[in-house]
Amino acid sequence: MTVKDKRRYDSSRRREQAARTRSAILDIAHRQFLEHGYAATTVARVAEQAGTSVETVYKAFGGKAGLVRALWEQALAGRGPVPAPARSDALSATANDPITVLKGWGRFTAELSPAGAPNVLLIRAAAANDADMAALSAEVEDQRRRRMRHNAHRLKKRGWLRPGVSINGATDIIWTYSSAELYDLLVLRSGWSARRYGEFVGDALVAALLE
C-alpha cells in the first residue's frame, strides 16, 4: 500500500510539474512572438527564458509552429474550466431572448480577443514566408468561419434572424465583428478597453441581425 501510494504521489507530482513547465513555455513563447515576431523568435530562446531544455520544448510542441498552434488553441478555450465554445452554445440554447445571446457573444469576443487576436495577426503575418504558418493560417480562418456559420444556424433555428438576413449573411456579419482586425483597430490602436469593445460587438450584432 505504501509503495502504491508513493507511486500515485510521484505520478501526480510529475503531471503537475509538466503542466507548470508547459504553461511557462507558452507564456514565454507568447511574449517572445509578440515582441520579436515569428521569424526572429527561436526555440532556444524560449527554452532558455522558460528555464527548460530545447528538447523539452520540441517534445511538448514540435517546434515554433507547434508553439503558435498551442497558443491559438489555448486562446480559443478562454478562461475557466469550461471552454468558451461550449459556454457559447449553452447560452444560445437556453437563453429566452436573442439580445441576451448576442450581447453574451460580445462578452465572449472580449474574453477571447486579448490573447486570440494577436495570435491570429501573428499567424497571418508569418504565413507570407513560412509554409507551416500558411497552413495554420488557412486552418484558423476555416475553423473560425465554420464556427460563425454554426452560430448563425443556431440563431436561425430559434427564429431570431431578421427577415432578409440569410445564413450566409449572418455568418459574414458575426465573422466580421469577431475578427482580429476589428480588435486591432479598436483596442490595440484606438485604446478601447476590452469591456467597451465587447459591448460594442454585442450592440452591433443586435443591430445587424435582429428585427
N, C-alpha and C. Protein backbone atom coordinates (compact mmCIF):
# COMPACT_ATOMS: atom_id res chain seq x y z
N MET A 1 0.83 -1.20 0.00
CA MET A 1 0.00 0.00 0.00
C MET A 1 0.87 1.26 0.00
N THR A 2 1.90 1.23 0.78
CA THR A 2 2.79 2.39 0.85
C THR A 2 3.45 2.65 -0.50
N VAL A 3 3.89 1.57 -1.16
CA VAL A 3 4.54 1.72 -2.46
C VAL A 3 3.56 2.29 -3.47
N LYS A 4 2.32 1.75 -3.48
CA LYS A 4 1.33 2.25 -4.42
C LYS A 4 1.00 3.71 -4.17
N ASP A 5 0.85 4.09 -2.90
CA ASP A 5 0.57 5.49 -2.57
C ASP A 5 1.69 6.40 -3.04
N LYS A 6 2.93 5.93 -2.84
CA LYS A 6 4.08 6.73 -3.25
C LYS A 6 4.10 6.91 -4.77
N ARG A 7 3.75 5.82 -5.48
CA ARG A 7 3.73 5.91 -6.94
C ARG A 7 2.66 6.88 -7.42
N ARG A 8 1.49 6.82 -6.77
CA ARG A 8 0.44 7.76 -7.15
C ARG A 8 0.88 9.19 -6.89
N TYR A 9 1.54 9.41 -5.77
CA TYR A 9 2.01 10.75 -5.42
C TYR A 9 3.05 11.22 -6.42
N ASP A 10 4.00 10.34 -6.75
CA ASP A 10 5.05 10.72 -7.70
C ASP A 10 4.47 11.02 -9.07
N SER A 11 3.50 10.20 -9.51
CA SER A 11 2.87 10.42 -10.79
C SER A 11 2.12 11.74 -10.82
N SER A 12 1.40 12.05 -9.76
CA SER A 12 0.67 13.30 -9.67
C SER A 12 1.62 14.49 -9.68
N ARG A 13 2.70 14.36 -8.94
CA ARG A 13 3.68 15.44 -8.88
C ARG A 13 4.32 15.68 -10.25
N ARG A 14 4.61 14.59 -10.97
CA ARG A 14 5.20 14.74 -12.31
C ARG A 14 4.24 15.43 -13.26
N ARG A 15 2.95 15.08 -13.17
CA ARG A 15 1.96 15.72 -14.04
C ARG A 15 1.83 17.21 -13.73
N GLU A 16 1.85 17.53 -12.45
CA GLU A 16 1.75 18.94 -12.06
C GLU A 16 2.97 19.72 -12.54
N GLN A 17 4.14 19.11 -12.42
CA GLN A 17 5.36 19.78 -12.88
C GLN A 17 5.34 19.96 -14.39
N ALA A 18 4.88 18.92 -15.11
CA ALA A 18 4.80 19.02 -16.56
C ALA A 18 3.83 20.12 -16.98
N ALA A 19 2.71 20.24 -16.26
CA ALA A 19 1.73 21.28 -16.58
C ALA A 19 2.31 22.67 -16.32
N ARG A 20 3.08 22.80 -15.22
CA ARG A 20 3.70 24.10 -14.93
C ARG A 20 4.74 24.44 -15.99
N THR A 21 5.51 23.45 -16.40
CA THR A 21 6.52 23.69 -17.43
C THR A 21 5.87 24.10 -18.74
N ARG A 22 4.82 23.40 -19.12
CA ARG A 22 4.10 23.72 -20.36
C ARG A 22 3.56 25.14 -20.31
N SER A 23 2.96 25.50 -19.18
CA SER A 23 2.40 26.85 -19.03
C SER A 23 3.50 27.90 -19.13
N ALA A 24 4.64 27.64 -18.49
CA ALA A 24 5.75 28.60 -18.54
C ALA A 24 6.27 28.75 -19.96
N ILE A 25 6.39 27.65 -20.67
CA ILE A 25 6.87 27.71 -22.07
C ILE A 25 5.93 28.55 -22.92
N LEU A 26 4.63 28.32 -22.78
CA LEU A 26 3.66 29.07 -23.58
C LEU A 26 3.66 30.55 -23.22
N ASP A 27 3.77 30.87 -21.94
CA ASP A 27 3.82 32.28 -21.53
C ASP A 27 5.02 32.98 -22.14
N ILE A 28 6.17 32.34 -22.08
CA ILE A 28 7.39 32.93 -22.64
C ILE A 28 7.28 33.03 -24.16
N ALA A 29 6.78 31.98 -24.80
CA ALA A 29 6.64 31.99 -26.25
C ALA A 29 5.71 33.11 -26.70
N HIS A 30 4.62 33.29 -25.98
CA HIS A 30 3.66 34.35 -26.31
C HIS A 30 4.36 35.71 -26.29
N ARG A 31 5.12 35.98 -25.24
CA ARG A 31 5.81 37.26 -25.14
C ARG A 31 6.87 37.41 -26.22
N GLN A 32 7.62 36.35 -26.47
CA GLN A 32 8.67 36.41 -27.49
C GLN A 32 8.10 36.66 -28.88
N PHE A 33 7.04 35.96 -29.22
CA PHE A 33 6.43 36.14 -30.54
C PHE A 33 5.90 37.56 -30.71
N LEU A 34 5.25 38.09 -29.68
CA LEU A 34 4.68 39.42 -29.80
C LEU A 34 5.75 40.50 -29.82
N GLU A 35 6.83 40.29 -29.08
CA GLU A 35 7.88 41.30 -29.03
C GLU A 35 8.81 41.25 -30.23
N HIS A 36 9.09 40.04 -30.73
CA HIS A 36 10.12 39.89 -31.76
C HIS A 36 9.61 39.36 -33.09
N GLY A 37 8.37 38.90 -33.13
CA GLY A 37 7.85 38.33 -34.36
C GLY A 37 8.18 36.85 -34.48
N TYR A 38 7.53 36.22 -35.43
CA TYR A 38 7.69 34.77 -35.58
C TYR A 38 9.10 34.40 -36.05
N ALA A 39 9.58 35.05 -37.09
CA ALA A 39 10.87 34.66 -37.68
C ALA A 39 12.02 34.84 -36.71
N ALA A 40 12.00 35.91 -35.92
CA ALA A 40 13.13 36.22 -35.03
C ALA A 40 13.10 35.44 -33.73
N THR A 41 11.98 34.83 -33.41
CA THR A 41 11.88 34.04 -32.18
C THR A 41 12.45 32.65 -32.42
N THR A 42 13.25 32.17 -31.48
CA THR A 42 13.85 30.84 -31.60
C THR A 42 13.40 29.94 -30.45
N VAL A 43 13.34 28.66 -30.74
CA VAL A 43 13.01 27.69 -29.70
C VAL A 43 14.04 27.74 -28.58
N ALA A 44 15.30 27.94 -28.95
CA ALA A 44 16.36 28.00 -27.95
C ALA A 44 16.14 29.15 -26.97
N ARG A 45 15.70 30.29 -27.49
CA ARG A 45 15.47 31.44 -26.62
C ARG A 45 14.26 31.20 -25.72
N VAL A 46 13.21 30.62 -26.27
CA VAL A 46 12.04 30.30 -25.47
C VAL A 46 12.41 29.34 -24.34
N ALA A 47 13.17 28.30 -24.69
CA ALA A 47 13.57 27.32 -23.69
C ALA A 47 14.41 27.96 -22.59
N GLU A 48 15.34 28.81 -22.99
CA GLU A 48 16.21 29.47 -22.02
C GLU A 48 15.39 30.34 -21.06
N GLN A 49 14.49 31.14 -21.61
CA GLN A 49 13.67 32.03 -20.80
C GLN A 49 12.73 31.25 -19.87
N ALA A 50 12.28 30.08 -20.33
CA ALA A 50 11.36 29.26 -19.53
C ALA A 50 12.09 28.37 -18.54
N GLY A 51 13.42 28.36 -18.59
CA GLY A 51 14.20 27.55 -17.67
C GLY A 51 14.12 26.07 -17.94
N THR A 52 14.01 25.71 -19.22
CA THR A 52 13.93 24.30 -19.58
C THR A 52 14.84 24.05 -20.78
N SER A 53 14.80 22.85 -21.32
CA SER A 53 15.69 22.49 -22.43
C SER A 53 14.98 22.62 -23.77
N VAL A 54 15.78 22.77 -24.81
CA VAL A 54 15.24 22.80 -26.17
C VAL A 54 14.51 21.50 -26.47
N GLU A 55 15.08 20.38 -26.01
CA GLU A 55 14.47 19.07 -26.24
C GLU A 55 13.08 18.98 -25.62
N THR A 56 12.90 19.59 -24.45
CA THR A 56 11.60 19.58 -23.80
C THR A 56 10.57 20.35 -24.61
N VAL A 57 10.97 21.49 -25.17
CA VAL A 57 10.06 22.28 -25.98
C VAL A 57 9.66 21.51 -27.24
N TYR A 58 10.64 20.90 -27.89
CA TYR A 58 10.33 20.14 -29.11
C TYR A 58 9.46 18.93 -28.79
N LYS A 59 9.73 18.28 -27.67
CA LYS A 59 8.94 17.11 -27.30
C LYS A 59 7.50 17.49 -27.01
N ALA A 60 7.30 18.64 -26.38
CA ALA A 60 5.94 19.06 -26.00
C ALA A 60 5.18 19.69 -27.14
N PHE A 61 5.89 20.42 -28.02
CA PHE A 61 5.18 21.23 -29.02
C PHE A 61 5.63 20.98 -30.46
N GLY A 62 6.76 20.35 -30.66
CA GLY A 62 7.20 20.07 -32.01
C GLY A 62 7.81 21.25 -32.75
N GLY A 63 8.23 22.28 -32.04
CA GLY A 63 8.88 23.41 -32.68
C GLY A 63 8.05 24.68 -32.63
N LYS A 64 8.49 25.70 -33.39
CA LYS A 64 7.83 27.01 -33.33
C LYS A 64 6.39 26.96 -33.80
N ALA A 65 6.15 26.26 -34.89
CA ALA A 65 4.78 26.19 -35.41
C ALA A 65 3.85 25.55 -34.39
N GLY A 66 4.34 24.54 -33.70
CA GLY A 66 3.55 23.89 -32.67
C GLY A 66 3.27 24.80 -31.49
N LEU A 67 4.23 25.66 -31.15
CA LEU A 67 4.01 26.63 -30.09
C LEU A 67 2.89 27.61 -30.46
N VAL A 68 2.93 28.08 -31.69
CA VAL A 68 1.89 29.03 -32.13
C VAL A 68 0.52 28.35 -32.13
N ARG A 69 0.47 27.12 -32.61
CA ARG A 69 -0.80 26.38 -32.61
C ARG A 69 -1.32 26.22 -31.18
N ALA A 70 -0.44 25.86 -30.26
CA ALA A 70 -0.86 25.67 -28.87
C ALA A 70 -1.38 26.98 -28.28
N LEU A 71 -0.74 28.09 -28.61
CA LEU A 71 -1.21 29.39 -28.12
C LEU A 71 -2.58 29.73 -28.69
N TRP A 72 -2.78 29.43 -29.95
CA TRP A 72 -4.07 29.68 -30.59
C TRP A 72 -5.16 28.82 -29.94
N GLU A 73 -4.88 27.54 -29.73
CA GLU A 73 -5.87 26.65 -29.12
C GLU A 73 -6.17 27.06 -27.69
N GLN A 74 -5.15 27.50 -26.98
CA GLN A 74 -5.34 27.96 -25.60
C GLN A 74 -6.23 29.19 -25.57
N ALA A 75 -6.01 30.11 -26.51
CA ALA A 75 -6.81 31.32 -26.56
C ALA A 75 -8.27 31.02 -26.89
N LEU A 76 -8.50 30.04 -27.75
CA LEU A 76 -9.86 29.68 -28.14
C LEU A 76 -10.68 29.16 -26.96
N ALA A 77 -10.02 28.52 -26.03
CA ALA A 77 -10.73 27.94 -24.89
C ALA A 77 -11.22 29.01 -23.92
N GLY A 78 -10.53 30.15 -23.88
CA GLY A 78 -10.93 31.21 -22.96
C GLY A 78 -10.52 30.90 -21.53
N ARG A 79 -11.15 31.59 -20.60
CA ARG A 79 -10.81 31.42 -19.19
C ARG A 79 -11.80 30.49 -18.50
N GLY A 80 -11.32 29.78 -17.50
CA GLY A 80 -12.21 28.93 -16.72
C GLY A 80 -12.18 27.48 -17.19
N PRO A 81 -12.83 26.61 -16.43
CA PRO A 81 -12.77 25.17 -16.71
C PRO A 81 -13.58 24.73 -17.91
N VAL A 82 -14.60 25.50 -18.30
CA VAL A 82 -15.44 25.12 -19.44
C VAL A 82 -15.02 25.95 -20.65
N PRO A 83 -14.67 25.30 -21.77
CA PRO A 83 -14.22 26.04 -22.96
C PRO A 83 -15.28 27.03 -23.44
N ALA A 84 -14.83 28.14 -23.98
CA ALA A 84 -15.74 29.19 -24.43
C ALA A 84 -16.76 28.72 -25.46
N PRO A 85 -16.39 27.89 -26.46
CA PRO A 85 -17.41 27.44 -27.40
C PRO A 85 -18.56 26.68 -26.73
N ALA A 86 -18.25 25.88 -25.73
CA ALA A 86 -19.29 25.15 -25.01
C ALA A 86 -20.18 26.11 -24.24
N ARG A 87 -19.58 27.13 -23.63
CA ARG A 87 -20.38 28.12 -22.91
C ARG A 87 -21.26 28.92 -23.86
N SER A 88 -20.72 29.22 -25.03
CA SER A 88 -21.49 29.95 -26.04
C SER A 88 -22.69 29.14 -26.50
N ASP A 89 -22.47 27.86 -26.77
CA ASP A 89 -23.57 27.00 -27.21
C ASP A 89 -24.63 26.86 -26.12
N ALA A 90 -24.19 26.75 -24.89
CA ALA A 90 -25.14 26.64 -23.78
C ALA A 90 -25.99 27.91 -23.68
N LEU A 91 -25.35 29.05 -23.89
CA LEU A 91 -26.08 30.32 -23.84
C LEU A 91 -27.13 30.39 -24.93
N SER A 92 -26.75 30.06 -26.17
CA SER A 92 -27.69 30.17 -27.28
C SER A 92 -28.79 29.12 -27.22
N ALA A 93 -28.57 28.05 -26.46
CA ALA A 93 -29.57 27.00 -26.33
C ALA A 93 -30.57 27.28 -25.21
N THR A 94 -30.17 28.03 -24.21
CA THR A 94 -31.01 28.19 -23.01
C THR A 94 -31.56 29.58 -22.81
N ALA A 95 -30.96 30.59 -23.42
CA ALA A 95 -31.44 31.96 -23.23
C ALA A 95 -32.84 32.12 -23.82
N ASN A 96 -33.62 33.01 -23.23
CA ASN A 96 -35.00 33.20 -23.67
C ASN A 96 -35.15 34.28 -24.72
N ASP A 97 -34.11 35.04 -24.97
CA ASP A 97 -34.23 36.10 -25.98
C ASP A 97 -32.90 36.28 -26.71
N PRO A 98 -32.96 36.73 -27.97
CA PRO A 98 -31.74 36.83 -28.77
C PRO A 98 -30.79 37.93 -28.32
N ILE A 99 -31.32 38.99 -27.72
CA ILE A 99 -30.44 40.08 -27.27
C ILE A 99 -29.47 39.56 -26.22
N THR A 100 -29.97 38.72 -25.31
CA THR A 100 -29.10 38.12 -24.30
C THR A 100 -27.99 37.32 -24.95
N VAL A 101 -28.34 36.57 -25.99
CA VAL A 101 -27.35 35.74 -26.68
C VAL A 101 -26.30 36.60 -27.37
N LEU A 102 -26.74 37.59 -28.14
CA LEU A 102 -25.79 38.39 -28.92
C LEU A 102 -24.91 39.26 -28.03
N LYS A 103 -25.46 39.79 -26.97
CA LYS A 103 -24.62 40.54 -26.04
C LYS A 103 -23.66 39.60 -25.31
N GLY A 104 -24.11 38.37 -25.06
CA GLY A 104 -23.21 37.37 -24.48
C GLY A 104 -22.08 37.03 -25.43
N TRP A 105 -22.40 36.92 -26.72
CA TRP A 105 -21.34 36.67 -27.70
C TRP A 105 -20.36 37.82 -27.75
N GLY A 106 -20.85 39.03 -27.55
CA GLY A 106 -19.94 40.17 -27.47
C GLY A 106 -18.98 40.03 -26.30
N ARG A 107 -19.49 39.57 -25.16
CA ARG A 107 -18.62 39.37 -23.99
C ARG A 107 -17.62 38.24 -24.25
N PHE A 108 -18.05 37.19 -24.91
CA PHE A 108 -17.12 36.11 -25.24
C PHE A 108 -16.01 36.63 -26.16
N THR A 109 -16.38 37.47 -27.13
CA THR A 109 -15.39 38.06 -28.03
C THR A 109 -14.37 38.88 -27.25
N ALA A 110 -14.85 39.64 -26.28
CA ALA A 110 -13.95 40.44 -25.45
C ALA A 110 -13.07 39.56 -24.58
N GLU A 111 -13.58 38.42 -24.16
CA GLU A 111 -12.80 37.49 -23.34
C GLU A 111 -11.68 36.83 -24.15
N LEU A 112 -11.99 36.42 -25.38
CA LEU A 112 -11.03 35.65 -26.17
C LEU A 112 -10.04 36.51 -26.93
N SER A 113 -10.43 37.71 -27.30
CA SER A 113 -9.61 38.50 -28.22
C SER A 113 -8.27 38.97 -27.66
N PRO A 114 -8.14 39.35 -26.38
CA PRO A 114 -6.84 39.81 -25.92
C PRO A 114 -5.71 38.81 -26.15
N ALA A 115 -5.99 37.52 -26.04
CA ALA A 115 -4.97 36.52 -26.35
C ALA A 115 -5.10 36.04 -27.78
N GLY A 116 -6.33 35.89 -28.26
CA GLY A 116 -6.53 35.28 -29.57
C GLY A 116 -6.20 36.17 -30.74
N ALA A 117 -6.62 37.44 -30.70
CA ALA A 117 -6.42 38.32 -31.85
C ALA A 117 -4.94 38.54 -32.17
N PRO A 118 -4.07 38.83 -31.19
CA PRO A 118 -2.65 38.97 -31.52
C PRO A 118 -2.06 37.69 -32.13
N ASN A 119 -2.54 36.53 -31.68
CA ASN A 119 -2.05 35.28 -32.25
C ASN A 119 -2.46 35.14 -33.71
N VAL A 120 -3.71 35.48 -34.01
CA VAL A 120 -4.18 35.40 -35.39
C VAL A 120 -3.40 36.36 -36.28
N LEU A 121 -3.16 37.57 -35.79
CA LEU A 121 -2.38 38.54 -36.56
C LEU A 121 -0.95 38.06 -36.77
N LEU A 122 -0.37 37.44 -35.74
CA LEU A 122 0.97 36.88 -35.86
C LEU A 122 1.01 35.78 -36.91
N ILE A 123 0.05 34.87 -36.85
CA ILE A 123 -0.01 33.76 -37.81
C ILE A 123 -0.13 34.30 -39.24
N ARG A 124 -1.00 35.27 -39.41
CA ARG A 124 -1.23 35.82 -40.75
C ARG A 124 0.02 36.50 -41.29
N ALA A 125 0.73 37.24 -40.44
CA ALA A 125 1.95 37.90 -40.89
C ALA A 125 3.03 36.90 -41.25
N ALA A 126 3.15 35.84 -40.43
CA ALA A 126 4.18 34.83 -40.67
C ALA A 126 3.87 33.96 -41.88
N ALA A 127 2.59 33.87 -42.24
CA ALA A 127 2.18 32.98 -43.33
C ALA A 127 2.80 33.36 -44.66
N ALA A 128 3.17 34.62 -44.82
CA ALA A 128 3.72 35.06 -46.10
C ALA A 128 5.05 34.41 -46.41
N ASN A 129 5.79 34.01 -45.37
CA ASN A 129 7.14 33.49 -45.59
C ASN A 129 7.38 32.12 -44.97
N ASP A 130 6.36 31.49 -44.44
CA ASP A 130 6.54 30.20 -43.77
C ASP A 130 5.39 29.27 -44.13
N ALA A 131 5.72 28.12 -44.68
CA ALA A 131 4.69 27.19 -45.15
C ALA A 131 3.84 26.65 -44.00
N ASP A 132 4.48 26.37 -42.86
CA ASP A 132 3.72 25.87 -41.71
C ASP A 132 2.71 26.91 -41.23
N MET A 133 3.13 28.15 -41.20
CA MET A 133 2.23 29.21 -40.76
C MET A 133 1.15 29.48 -41.80
N ALA A 134 1.47 29.32 -43.08
CA ALA A 134 0.45 29.48 -44.11
C ALA A 134 -0.64 28.43 -43.95
N ALA A 135 -0.23 27.20 -43.65
CA ALA A 135 -1.20 26.13 -43.44
C ALA A 135 -2.04 26.39 -42.20
N LEU A 136 -1.39 26.86 -41.14
CA LEU A 136 -2.11 27.15 -39.90
C LEU A 136 -3.06 28.32 -40.10
N SER A 137 -2.63 29.33 -40.85
CA SER A 137 -3.50 30.48 -41.12
C SER A 137 -4.77 30.05 -41.84
N ALA A 138 -4.62 29.18 -42.83
CA ALA A 138 -5.79 28.67 -43.56
C ALA A 138 -6.71 27.88 -42.62
N GLU A 139 -6.12 27.09 -41.74
CA GLU A 139 -6.90 26.31 -40.79
C GLU A 139 -7.64 27.20 -39.81
N VAL A 140 -6.95 28.24 -39.32
CA VAL A 140 -7.57 29.17 -38.37
C VAL A 140 -8.79 29.84 -38.99
N GLU A 141 -8.62 30.34 -40.21
CA GLU A 141 -9.73 31.04 -40.85
C GLU A 141 -10.87 30.09 -41.18
N ASP A 142 -10.54 28.88 -41.61
CA ASP A 142 -11.59 27.90 -41.90
C ASP A 142 -12.36 27.54 -40.64
N GLN A 143 -11.66 27.32 -39.55
CA GLN A 143 -12.33 26.95 -38.31
C GLN A 143 -13.18 28.10 -37.78
N ARG A 144 -12.65 29.31 -37.87
CA ARG A 144 -13.40 30.47 -37.39
C ARG A 144 -14.66 30.68 -38.22
N ARG A 145 -14.52 30.52 -39.54
CA ARG A 145 -15.67 30.67 -40.42
C ARG A 145 -16.74 29.63 -40.13
N ARG A 146 -16.32 28.39 -39.92
CA ARG A 146 -17.27 27.32 -39.61
C ARG A 146 -17.97 27.59 -38.27
N ARG A 147 -17.24 28.12 -37.32
CA ARG A 147 -17.84 28.43 -36.02
C ARG A 147 -18.89 29.53 -36.16
N MET A 148 -18.60 30.54 -36.95
CA MET A 148 -19.56 31.62 -37.12
C MET A 148 -20.80 31.14 -37.87
N ARG A 149 -20.64 30.24 -38.83
CA ARG A 149 -21.79 29.65 -39.51
C ARG A 149 -22.62 28.81 -38.54
N HIS A 150 -21.94 28.09 -37.67
CA HIS A 150 -22.62 27.33 -36.64
C HIS A 150 -23.49 28.26 -35.78
N ASN A 151 -22.94 29.40 -35.39
CA ASN A 151 -23.69 30.37 -34.59
C ASN A 151 -24.88 30.92 -35.37
N ALA A 152 -24.67 31.20 -36.65
CA ALA A 152 -25.76 31.72 -37.48
C ALA A 152 -26.90 30.71 -37.58
N HIS A 153 -26.57 29.45 -37.72
CA HIS A 153 -27.59 28.41 -37.78
C HIS A 153 -28.37 28.33 -36.47
N ARG A 154 -27.70 28.52 -35.35
CA ARG A 154 -28.39 28.47 -34.06
C ARG A 154 -29.39 29.62 -33.95
N LEU A 155 -29.03 30.79 -34.44
CA LEU A 155 -29.97 31.91 -34.45
C LEU A 155 -31.16 31.63 -35.36
N LYS A 156 -30.87 31.09 -36.54
CA LYS A 156 -31.93 30.77 -37.50
C LYS A 156 -32.88 29.71 -36.93
N LYS A 157 -32.33 28.71 -36.29
CA LYS A 157 -33.15 27.62 -35.74
C LYS A 157 -34.14 28.13 -34.71
N ARG A 158 -33.74 29.15 -33.96
CA ARG A 158 -34.63 29.68 -32.91
C ARG A 158 -35.53 30.80 -33.43
N GLY A 159 -35.46 31.07 -34.74
CA GLY A 159 -36.33 32.07 -35.34
C GLY A 159 -35.97 33.49 -35.00
N TRP A 160 -34.72 33.75 -34.75
CA TRP A 160 -34.31 35.06 -34.27
C TRP A 160 -33.70 35.97 -35.34
N LEU A 161 -33.33 35.43 -36.48
CA LEU A 161 -32.73 36.28 -37.50
C LEU A 161 -33.78 37.19 -38.13
N ARG A 162 -33.38 38.42 -38.37
CA ARG A 162 -34.26 39.38 -39.02
C ARG A 162 -34.62 38.88 -40.42
N PRO A 163 -35.88 39.07 -40.87
CA PRO A 163 -36.24 38.68 -42.23
C PRO A 163 -35.32 39.34 -43.25
N GLY A 164 -34.89 38.56 -44.20
CA GLY A 164 -33.98 39.06 -45.22
C GLY A 164 -32.52 38.80 -44.93
N VAL A 165 -32.20 38.40 -43.70
CA VAL A 165 -30.82 38.05 -43.35
C VAL A 165 -30.66 36.54 -43.50
N SER A 166 -29.86 36.13 -44.47
CA SER A 166 -29.64 34.71 -44.73
C SER A 166 -28.60 34.13 -43.79
N ILE A 167 -28.46 32.82 -43.83
CA ILE A 167 -27.39 32.16 -43.06
C ILE A 167 -26.04 32.69 -43.50
N ASN A 168 -25.84 32.82 -44.82
CA ASN A 168 -24.55 33.34 -45.31
C ASN A 168 -24.32 34.77 -44.84
N GLY A 169 -25.37 35.58 -44.91
CA GLY A 169 -25.23 36.96 -44.47
C GLY A 169 -24.94 37.07 -42.99
N ALA A 170 -25.64 36.28 -42.18
CA ALA A 170 -25.40 36.29 -40.73
C ALA A 170 -24.00 35.80 -40.42
N THR A 171 -23.55 34.78 -41.15
CA THR A 171 -22.18 34.28 -40.96
C THR A 171 -21.16 35.39 -41.22
N ASP A 172 -21.35 36.12 -42.32
CA ASP A 172 -20.44 37.22 -42.66
C ASP A 172 -20.40 38.27 -41.56
N ILE A 173 -21.57 38.60 -41.03
CA ILE A 173 -21.65 39.65 -40.01
C ILE A 173 -20.97 39.21 -38.71
N ILE A 174 -21.27 38.01 -38.25
CA ILE A 174 -20.66 37.53 -37.00
C ILE A 174 -19.16 37.37 -37.18
N TRP A 175 -18.75 36.87 -38.34
CA TRP A 175 -17.33 36.67 -38.66
C TRP A 175 -16.58 38.00 -38.63
N THR A 176 -17.21 39.06 -39.18
CA THR A 176 -16.57 40.38 -39.23
C THR A 176 -16.43 40.98 -37.84
N TYR A 177 -17.50 40.93 -37.04
CA TYR A 177 -17.46 41.58 -35.74
C TYR A 177 -16.62 40.82 -34.72
N SER A 178 -16.26 39.58 -35.01
CA SER A 178 -15.38 38.83 -34.10
C SER A 178 -13.95 38.76 -34.63
N SER A 179 -13.64 39.56 -35.64
CA SER A 179 -12.35 39.45 -36.31
C SER A 179 -11.21 40.06 -35.51
N ALA A 180 -10.01 39.53 -35.74
CA ALA A 180 -8.80 40.08 -35.12
C ALA A 180 -8.55 41.51 -35.60
N GLU A 181 -8.94 41.80 -36.86
CA GLU A 181 -8.72 43.13 -37.41
C GLU A 181 -9.52 44.19 -36.64
N LEU A 182 -10.76 43.87 -36.28
CA LEU A 182 -11.57 44.84 -35.54
C LEU A 182 -10.99 45.08 -34.15
N TYR A 183 -10.56 44.01 -33.49
CA TYR A 183 -9.93 44.16 -32.18
C TYR A 183 -8.66 45.01 -32.30
N ASP A 184 -7.89 44.77 -33.35
CA ASP A 184 -6.66 45.53 -33.57
C ASP A 184 -6.98 47.02 -33.72
N LEU A 185 -7.99 47.34 -34.52
CA LEU A 185 -8.33 48.74 -34.76
C LEU A 185 -8.85 49.44 -33.51
N LEU A 186 -9.74 48.78 -32.79
CA LEU A 186 -10.42 49.46 -31.69
C LEU A 186 -9.69 49.38 -30.36
N VAL A 187 -9.07 48.25 -30.07
CA VAL A 187 -8.41 48.07 -28.77
C VAL A 187 -6.92 48.38 -28.87
N LEU A 188 -6.22 47.69 -29.75
CA LEU A 188 -4.77 47.86 -29.82
C LEU A 188 -4.36 49.22 -30.36
N ARG A 189 -5.11 49.74 -31.33
CA ARG A 189 -4.72 51.02 -31.94
C ARG A 189 -5.47 52.22 -31.37
N SER A 190 -6.74 52.03 -31.03
CA SER A 190 -7.53 53.17 -30.55
C SER A 190 -7.64 53.25 -29.03
N GLY A 191 -7.17 52.21 -28.33
CA GLY A 191 -7.12 52.26 -26.88
C GLY A 191 -8.41 51.95 -26.16
N TRP A 192 -9.37 51.32 -26.86
CA TRP A 192 -10.59 50.92 -26.17
C TRP A 192 -10.28 49.86 -25.13
N SER A 193 -11.08 49.82 -24.08
CA SER A 193 -10.97 48.73 -23.12
C SER A 193 -11.63 47.49 -23.71
N ALA A 194 -11.25 46.32 -23.18
CA ALA A 194 -11.87 45.09 -23.65
C ALA A 194 -13.38 45.10 -23.37
N ARG A 195 -13.76 45.66 -22.23
CA ARG A 195 -15.19 45.72 -21.88
C ARG A 195 -15.96 46.57 -22.88
N ARG A 196 -15.43 47.74 -23.21
CA ARG A 196 -16.10 48.61 -24.18
C ARG A 196 -16.20 47.91 -25.54
N TYR A 197 -15.13 47.25 -25.92
CA TYR A 197 -15.11 46.52 -27.19
C TYR A 197 -16.18 45.43 -27.20
N GLY A 198 -16.28 44.65 -26.13
CA GLY A 198 -17.28 43.58 -26.07
C GLY A 198 -18.69 44.13 -26.13
N GLU A 199 -18.94 45.26 -25.47
CA GLU A 199 -20.27 45.87 -25.51
C GLU A 199 -20.59 46.36 -26.93
N PHE A 200 -19.58 46.93 -27.59
CA PHE A 200 -19.78 47.38 -28.97
C PHE A 200 -20.12 46.22 -29.89
N VAL A 201 -19.39 45.12 -29.76
CA VAL A 201 -19.65 43.95 -30.61
C VAL A 201 -21.06 43.43 -30.37
N GLY A 202 -21.46 43.30 -29.11
CA GLY A 202 -22.80 42.83 -28.81
C GLY A 202 -23.88 43.74 -29.38
N ASP A 203 -23.72 45.06 -29.20
CA ASP A 203 -24.70 46.01 -29.73
C ASP A 203 -24.75 45.98 -31.26
N ALA A 204 -23.59 45.85 -31.88
CA ALA A 204 -23.52 45.82 -33.35
C ALA A 204 -24.21 44.56 -33.89
N LEU A 205 -24.03 43.43 -33.23
CA LEU A 205 -24.69 42.19 -33.66
C LEU A 205 -26.20 42.32 -33.52
N VAL A 206 -26.65 42.90 -32.44
CA VAL A 206 -28.09 43.11 -32.24
C VAL A 206 -28.65 43.97 -33.38
N ALA A 207 -27.98 45.08 -33.69
CA ALA A 207 -28.47 46.00 -34.73
C ALA A 207 -28.46 45.35 -36.11
N ALA A 208 -27.48 44.49 -36.36
CA ALA A 208 -27.33 43.93 -37.70
C ALA A 208 -28.17 42.67 -37.95
N LEU A 209 -28.51 41.96 -36.89
CA LEU A 209 -29.12 40.64 -37.09
C LEU A 209 -30.57 40.52 -36.64
N LEU A 210 -31.03 41.41 -35.77
CA LEU A 210 -32.36 41.25 -35.21
C LEU A 210 -33.33 42.26 -35.79
N GLU A 211 -34.61 41.98 -35.59
CA GLU A 211 -35.65 42.89 -36.06
C GLU A 211 -35.65 44.17 -35.23
